[in-house]
């Protein structure tokens, strides 16, 4: 077995009894062990969206608490939500992301973090425009107030 010079090789008896200890599949074993759904790449997009929805709703609820909201912002949730808004095709995940950001914006001092997260305000304005165009419940007044909120 070839090992990097700075890593000692595993004991011979472990290599013999553990087929996962060769260079080709040891990384794959780690990746498989990190699969929290234990489906080993058989999970569908719907299952992942459902898991995201479940965990996202918990975060949405937690974002209503100022203590939790501050902790979430310190742990870069705004960057995570921004990335999700850029790539998601699910309207439910988009709704959850916007709900979390909305709850975070209700806490004094956290709005500055939202404003300073690169590209996030542009995404939010785009989402409001898209929602107001698609929604039968929207009005120009709602859109105007949304923009005022974002620009304050």
C-alpha atoms as a PDB file:
ATOM      1  CA  UNK A   1       0.000   0.000   0.000  1.00  0.00           C
ATOM      2  CA  UNK A   2       1.337   3.411  -0.963  1.00  0.00           C
ATOM      3  CA  UNK A   3       0.899   6.008   1.779  1.00  0.00           C
ATOM      4  CA  UNK A   4       1.975   9.628   1.800  1.00  0.00           C
ATOM      5  CA  UNK A   5       5.374   9.959   3.450  1.00  0.00           C
ATOM      6  CA  UNK A   6       3.944  11.959   6.341  1.00  0.00           C
ATOM      7  CA  UNK A   7       1.317   9.301   7.147  1.00  0.00           C
ATOM      8  CA  UNK A   8       2.314   5.945   8.579  1.00  0.00           C
ATOM      9  CA  UNK A   9       0.745   2.924   6.926  1.00  0.00           C
ATOM     10  CA  UNK A  10      -2.028   1.120   8.815  1.00  0.00           C
ATOM     11  CA  UNK A  11      -1.079  -2.019  10.712  1.00  0.00           C
ATOM     12  CA  UNK A  12      -0.971  -5.037   8.369  1.00  0.00           C
ATOM     13  CA  UNK A  13      -3.615  -6.937  10.340  1.00  0.00           C
ATOM     14  CA  UNK A  14      -6.094  -4.044   9.883  1.00  0.00           C
ATOM     15  CA  UNK A  15      -5.515  -3.893   6.150  1.00  0.00           C
ATOM     16  CA  UNK A  16      -6.088  -7.635   5.877  1.00  0.00           C
ATOM     17  CA  UNK A  17      -9.360  -7.585   7.860  1.00  0.00           C
ATOM     18  CA  UNK A  18     -10.719  -4.230   6.771  1.00  0.00           C
ATOM     19  CA  UNK A  19     -11.311  -3.997   3.019  1.00  0.00           C
ATOM     20  CA  UNK A  20     -12.127  -0.275   3.375  1.00  0.00           C
ATOM     21  CA  UNK A  21      -8.513   0.524   4.259  1.00  0.00           C
ATOM     22  CA  UNK A  22      -7.128   0.733   0.758  1.00  0.00           C
ATOM     23  CA  UNK A  23      -6.392   4.002  -0.974  1.00  0.00           C
ATOM     24  CA  UNK A  24      -9.158   3.661  -3.564  1.00  0.00           C
ATOM     25  CA  UNK A  25     -12.148   3.255  -1.308  1.00  0.00           C
ATOM     26  CA  UNK A  26     -11.205   4.759   2.057  1.00  0.00           C
ATOM     27  CA  UNK A  27     -12.445   8.210   1.034  1.00  0.00           C
ATOM     28  CA  UNK A  28     -15.639   6.732  -0.402  1.00  0.00           C
ATOM     29  CA  UNK A  29     -16.254   4.990   2.917  1.00  0.00           C
ATOM     30  CA  UNK A  30     -15.966   8.278   4.751  1.00  0.00           C
ATOM     31  CA  UNK A  31     -18.343   9.975   2.326  1.00  0.00           C
ATOM     32  CA  UNK A  32     -20.857   7.154   2.695  1.00  0.00           C
ATOM     33  CA  UNK A  33     -20.607   7.287   6.473  1.00  0.00           C
ATOM     34  CA  UNK A  34     -21.412  11.005   6.338  1.00  0.00           C
ATOM     35  CA  UNK A  35     -24.700  10.348   4.483  1.00  0.00           C
ATOM     36  CA  UNK A  36     -27.188  11.316   7.207  1.00  0.00           C
ATOM     37  CA  UNK A  37     -30.125   9.766   5.404  1.00  0.00           C
ATOM     38  CA  UNK A  38     -28.238   6.439   5.165  1.00  0.00           C
ATOM     39  CA  UNK A  39     -29.485   6.034   1.592  1.00  0.00           C
ATOM     40  CA  UNK A  40     -26.015   6.037   0.011  1.00  0.00           C
ATOM     41  CA  UNK A  41     -26.860   8.322  -2.917  1.00  0.00           C
ATOM     42  CA  UNK A  42     -30.305   6.786  -3.476  1.00  0.00           C
ATOM     43  CA  UNK A  43     -32.203   9.701  -1.958  1.00  0.00           C
ATOM     44  CA  UNK A  44     -34.327  11.657  -4.363  1.00  0.00           C
ATOM     45  CA  UNK A  45     -34.534  15.366  -4.833  1.00  0.00           C
ATOM     46  CA  UNK A  46     -37.977  15.296  -3.209  1.00  0.00           C
ATOM     47  CA  UNK A  47     -36.582  13.653  -0.071  1.00  0.00           C
ATOM     48  CA  UNK A  48     -33.826  16.251   0.137  1.00  0.00           C
ATOM     49  CA  UNK A  49     -36.343  19.060  -0.350  1.00  0.00           C
ATOM     50  CA  UNK A  50     -38.533  17.557   2.379  1.00  0.00           C
ATOM     51  CA  UNK A  51     -35.576  17.372   4.778  1.00  0.00           C
ATOM     52  CA  UNK A  52     -34.619  20.948   3.897  1.00  0.00           C
ATOM     53  CA  UNK A  53     -38.222  22.014   4.487  1.00  0.00           C
ATOM     54  CA  UNK A  54     -38.407  20.306   7.890  1.00  0.00           C
ATOM     55  CA  UNK A  55     -35.114  21.729   9.141  1.00  0.00           C
ATOM     56  CA  UNK A  56     -35.728  25.097   7.496  1.00  0.00           C
ATOM     57  CA  UNK A  57     -39.058  25.476   9.313  1.00  0.00           C
ATOM     58  CA  UNK A  58     -37.274  24.887  12.618  1.00  0.00           C
ATOM     59  CA  UNK A  59     -34.790  27.627  11.725  1.00  0.00           C
ATOM     60  CA  UNK A  60     -37.668  29.881  10.691  1.00  0.00           C
ATOM     61  CA  UNK A  61     -39.224  29.459  14.139  1.00  0.00           C
ATOM     62  CA  UNK A  62     -35.891  29.952  15.914  1.00  0.00           C
ATOM     63  CA  UNK A  63     -35.239  33.157  13.965  1.00  0.00           C
ATOM     64  CA  UNK A  64     -38.155  34.762  15.831  1.00  0.00           C
ATOM     65  CA  UNK A  65     -36.081  34.724  19.038  1.00  0.00           C
ATOM     66  CA  UNK A  66     -33.509  37.517  19.200  1.00  0.00           C
ATOM     67  CA  UNK A  67     -30.965  35.315  20.982  1.00  0.00           C
ATOM     68  CA  UNK A  68     -31.270  32.567  18.388  1.00  0.00           C
ATOM     69  CA  UNK A  69     -31.365  35.077  15.540  1.00  0.00           C
ATOM     70  CA  UNK A  70     -28.090  36.665  16.619  1.00  0.00           C
ATOM     71  CA  UNK A  71     -26.458  33.251  16.949  1.00  0.00           C
ATOM     72  CA  UNK A  72     -27.711  32.254  13.508  1.00  0.00           C
ATOM     73  CA  UNK A  73     -26.289  35.417  11.922  1.00  0.00           C
ATOM     74  CA  UNK A  74     -22.964  34.877  13.696  1.00  0.00           C
ATOM     75  CA  UNK A  75     -22.892  31.383  12.180  1.00  0.00           C
ATOM     76  CA  UNK A  76     -23.339  32.728   8.637  1.00  0.00           C
ATOM     77  CA  UNK A  77     -26.965  31.764   8.017  1.00  0.00           C
ATOM     78  CA  UNK A  78     -27.379  34.770   5.727  1.00  0.00           C
ATOM     79  CA  UNK A  79     -24.710  33.433   3.389  1.00  0.00           C
ATOM     80  CA  UNK A  80     -26.333  29.979   3.443  1.00  0.00           C
ATOM     81  CA  UNK A  81     -29.778  31.423   2.710  1.00  0.00           C
ATOM     82  CA  UNK A  82     -28.339  33.604  -0.062  1.00  0.00           C
ATOM     83  CA  UNK A  83     -26.737  30.560  -1.688  1.00  0.00           C
ATOM     84  CA  UNK A  84     -29.980  28.588  -1.404  1.00  0.00           C
ATOM     85  CA  UNK A  85     -32.005  31.405  -2.966  1.00  0.00           C
ATOM     86  CA  UNK A  86     -29.579  31.420  -5.896  1.00  0.00           C
ATOM     87  CA  UNK A  87     -29.907  27.705  -6.673  1.00  0.00           C
ATOM     88  CA  UNK A  88     -33.268  26.442  -5.461  1.00  0.00           C
ATOM     89  CA  UNK A  89     -36.086  25.691  -7.853  1.00  0.00           C
ATOM     90  CA  UNK A  90     -38.515  24.909  -5.034  1.00  0.00           C
ATOM     91  CA  UNK A  91     -40.998  27.654  -4.219  1.00  0.00           C
ATOM     92  CA  UNK A  92     -41.421  26.202  -0.710  1.00  0.00           C
ATOM     93  CA  UNK A  93     -37.683  26.374   0.034  1.00  0.00           C
ATOM     94  CA  UNK A  94     -37.645  29.911  -1.358  1.00  0.00           C
ATOM     95  CA  UNK A  95     -40.561  30.801   0.949  1.00  0.00           C
ATOM     96  CA  UNK A  96     -38.744  29.352   3.969  1.00  0.00           C
ATOM     97  CA  UNK A  97     -35.530  31.240   3.152  1.00  0.00           C
ATOM     98  CA  UNK A  98     -37.437  34.500   2.818  1.00  0.00           C
ATOM     99  CA  UNK A  99     -39.352  33.786   6.033  1.00  0.00           C
ATOM    100  CA  UNK A 100     -36.137  33.225   7.968  1.00  0.00           C
ATOM    101  CA  UNK A 101     -34.656  36.438   6.569  1.00  0.00           C
ATOM    102  CA  UNK A 102     -37.887  38.272   7.406  1.00  0.00           C
ATOM    103  CA  UNK A 103     -37.755  37.079  11.015  1.00  0.00           C
ATOM    104  CA  UNK A 104     -34.084  38.030  11.269  1.00  0.00           C
ATOM    105  CA  UNK A 105     -34.870  41.512   9.925  1.00  0.00           C
ATOM    106  CA  UNK A 106     -37.332  42.078  12.776  1.00  0.00           C
ATOM    107  CA  UNK A 107     -34.517  42.171  15.339  1.00  0.00           C
ATOM    108  CA  UNK A 108     -32.786  45.449  16.001  1.00  0.00           C
ATOM    109  CA  UNK A 109     -29.257  45.440  14.692  1.00  0.00           C
ATOM    110  CA  UNK A 110     -29.587  42.413  12.413  1.00  0.00           C
ATOM    111  CA  UNK A 111     -30.957  44.355   9.459  1.00  0.00           C
ATOM    112  CA  UNK A 112     -27.467  45.818   8.965  1.00  0.00           C
ATOM    113  CA  UNK A 113     -26.117  42.293   8.550  1.00  0.00           C
ATOM    114  CA  UNK A 114     -28.752  41.572   5.905  1.00  0.00           C
ATOM    115  CA  UNK A 115     -27.873  44.766   4.046  1.00  0.00           C
ATOM    116  CA  UNK A 116     -24.151  44.037   4.193  1.00  0.00           C
ATOM    117  CA  UNK A 117     -24.392  40.448   2.913  1.00  0.00           C
ATOM    118  CA  UNK A 118     -23.103  40.772  -0.635  1.00  0.00           C
ATOM    119  CA  UNK A 119     -25.839  40.288  -3.229  1.00  0.00           C
ATOM    120  CA  UNK A 120     -28.586  39.430  -0.740  1.00  0.00           C
ATOM    121  CA  UNK A 121     -30.605  42.648  -1.094  1.00  0.00           C
ATOM    122  CA  UNK A 122     -30.609  42.239  -4.887  1.00  0.00           C
ATOM    123  CA  UNK A 123     -31.938  38.696  -4.511  1.00  0.00           C
ATOM    124  CA  UNK A 124     -34.609  39.886  -2.054  1.00  0.00           C
ATOM    125  CA  UNK A 125     -35.782  42.664  -4.377  1.00  0.00           C
ATOM    126  CA  UNK A 126     -35.907  40.150  -7.225  1.00  0.00           C
ATOM    127  CA  UNK A 127     -37.967  37.766  -5.108  1.00  0.00           C
ATOM    128  CA  UNK A 128     -40.429  40.523  -4.159  1.00  0.00           C
ATOM    129  CA  UNK A 129     -40.811  41.549  -7.800  1.00  0.00           C
ATOM    130  CA  UNK A 130     -41.339  37.930  -8.875  1.00  0.00           C
ATOM    131  CA  UNK A 131     -43.828  37.289  -6.057  1.00  0.00           C
ATOM    132  CA  UNK A 132     -45.799  40.452  -6.774  1.00  0.00           C
ATOM    133  CA  UNK A 133     -45.990  39.630 -10.476  1.00  0.00           C
ATOM    134  CA  UNK A 134     -47.198  36.054  -9.838  1.00  0.00           C
ATOM    135  CA  UNK A 135     -49.425  36.668  -6.814  1.00  0.00           C
ATOM    136  CA  UNK A 136     -53.120  37.371  -7.247  1.00  0.00           C
ATOM    137  CA  UNK A 137     -53.097  38.878  -3.736  1.00  0.00           C
ATOM    138  CA  UNK A 138     -50.423  41.450  -4.408  1.00  0.00           C
ATOM    139  CA  UNK A 139     -50.970  45.096  -5.010  1.00  0.00           C
ATOM    140  CA  UNK A 140     -48.677  47.914  -6.090  1.00  0.00           C
ATOM    141  CA  UNK A 141     -48.960  49.248  -2.540  1.00  0.00           C
ATOM    142  CA  UNK A 142     -47.585  45.985  -1.056  1.00  0.00           C
ATOM    143  CA  UNK A 143     -44.677  46.092  -3.478  1.00  0.00           C
ATOM    144  CA  UNK A 144     -43.992  49.745  -2.649  1.00  0.00           C
ATOM    145  CA  UNK A 145     -43.891  48.995   1.092  1.00  0.00           C
ATOM    146  CA  UNK A 146     -41.604  46.028   0.468  1.00  0.00           C
ATOM    147  CA  UNK A 147     -39.137  48.239  -1.375  1.00  0.00           C
ATOM    148  CA  UNK A 148     -39.278  50.920   1.325  1.00  0.00           C
ATOM    149  CA  UNK A 149     -38.492  48.247   3.934  1.00  0.00           C
ATOM    150  CA  UNK A 150     -35.502  47.026   1.957  1.00  0.00           C
ATOM    151  CA  UNK A 151     -34.142  50.492   1.250  1.00  0.00           C
ATOM    152  CA  UNK A 152     -34.412  51.815   4.831  1.00  0.00           C
END
